[in-house]
């Protein structure tokens, strides 16, 4: 899945945003599990970018909730 910038996140509607957020959270949990097992080698830097992406989506979700 491609990494999203805030500009592209703002273009998503609520349903798409919710789906992308769920996918990112699942991917993050899988990567954390692999890291805990010690099988995550080359992709260890992706955990940080996925965490930031989830935070961006949560920020946008809260912005929409306030409106």
Protein backbone atom coordinates (compact mmCIF):
# COMPACT_ATOMS: atom_id res chain seq x y z
CA UNK A 1 0.00 0.00 0.00
CA UNK A 2 1.35 3.41 -0.95
CA UNK A 3 2.14 5.91 1.77
CA UNK A 4 -0.31 8.78 1.98
CA UNK A 5 0.46 12.45 2.43
CA UNK A 6 -1.93 14.78 4.24
CA UNK A 7 -3.02 16.32 0.92
CA UNK A 8 -4.24 12.99 -0.41
CA UNK A 9 -5.80 12.07 2.94
CA UNK A 10 -7.88 15.26 2.86
CA UNK A 11 -9.29 14.20 -0.53
CA UNK A 12 -10.73 10.94 0.88
CA UNK A 13 -14.34 10.75 1.99
CA UNK A 14 -15.21 9.36 5.43
CA UNK A 15 -15.86 5.79 4.29
CA UNK A 16 -12.58 5.56 2.35
CA UNK A 17 -10.72 7.13 5.24
CA UNK A 18 -12.13 4.58 7.65
CA UNK A 19 -11.16 1.69 5.35
CA UNK A 20 -7.62 2.99 4.81
CA UNK A 21 -7.22 3.55 8.55
CA UNK A 22 -8.26 -0.02 9.30
CA UNK A 23 -5.89 -1.40 6.64
CA UNK A 24 -2.98 0.63 8.01
CA UNK A 25 -3.66 -0.50 11.56
CA UNK A 26 -3.72 -4.16 10.47
CA UNK A 27 -0.48 -3.70 8.55
CA UNK A 28 1.12 -1.98 11.55
CA UNK A 29 0.11 -4.76 13.91
CA UNK A 30 1.53 -7.40 11.53
CA UNK A 31 4.82 -5.52 11.29
CA UNK A 32 5.02 -5.14 15.07
CA UNK A 33 4.40 -8.85 15.46
CA UNK A 34 7.19 -9.67 13.00
CA UNK A 35 9.51 -7.24 14.77
CA UNK A 36 8.80 -8.92 18.10
CA UNK A 37 9.55 -12.33 16.61
CA UNK A 38 12.74 -11.02 15.05
CA UNK A 39 11.79 -11.85 11.46
CA UNK A 40 11.46 -8.21 10.35
CA UNK A 41 14.77 -7.20 8.81
CA UNK A 42 14.75 -4.79 5.88
CA UNK A 43 11.33 -3.29 6.57
CA UNK A 44 11.96 -2.19 10.16
CA UNK A 45 11.98 1.47 9.10
CA UNK A 46 8.47 1.19 7.69
CA UNK A 47 6.93 0.87 11.15
CA UNK A 48 7.60 4.53 11.82
CA UNK A 49 6.11 5.70 8.53
CA UNK A 50 2.97 3.59 9.04
CA UNK A 51 2.57 4.97 12.56
CA UNK A 52 2.76 8.51 11.20
CA UNK A 53 0.28 7.67 8.46
CA UNK A 54 -2.19 6.33 11.04
CA UNK A 55 -1.74 9.53 13.05
CA UNK A 56 -2.45 11.66 9.97
CA UNK A 57 -5.63 9.72 9.25
CA UNK A 58 -6.76 10.00 12.86
CA UNK A 59 -6.15 13.75 12.72
CA UNK A 60 -8.30 14.04 9.60
CA UNK A 61 -11.00 11.85 11.16
CA UNK A 62 -11.12 14.15 14.20
CA UNK A 63 -11.28 17.21 11.95
CA UNK A 64 -14.30 15.75 10.18
CA UNK A 65 -15.92 14.90 13.50
CA UNK A 66 -15.62 18.50 14.70
CA UNK A 67 -17.42 19.89 11.64
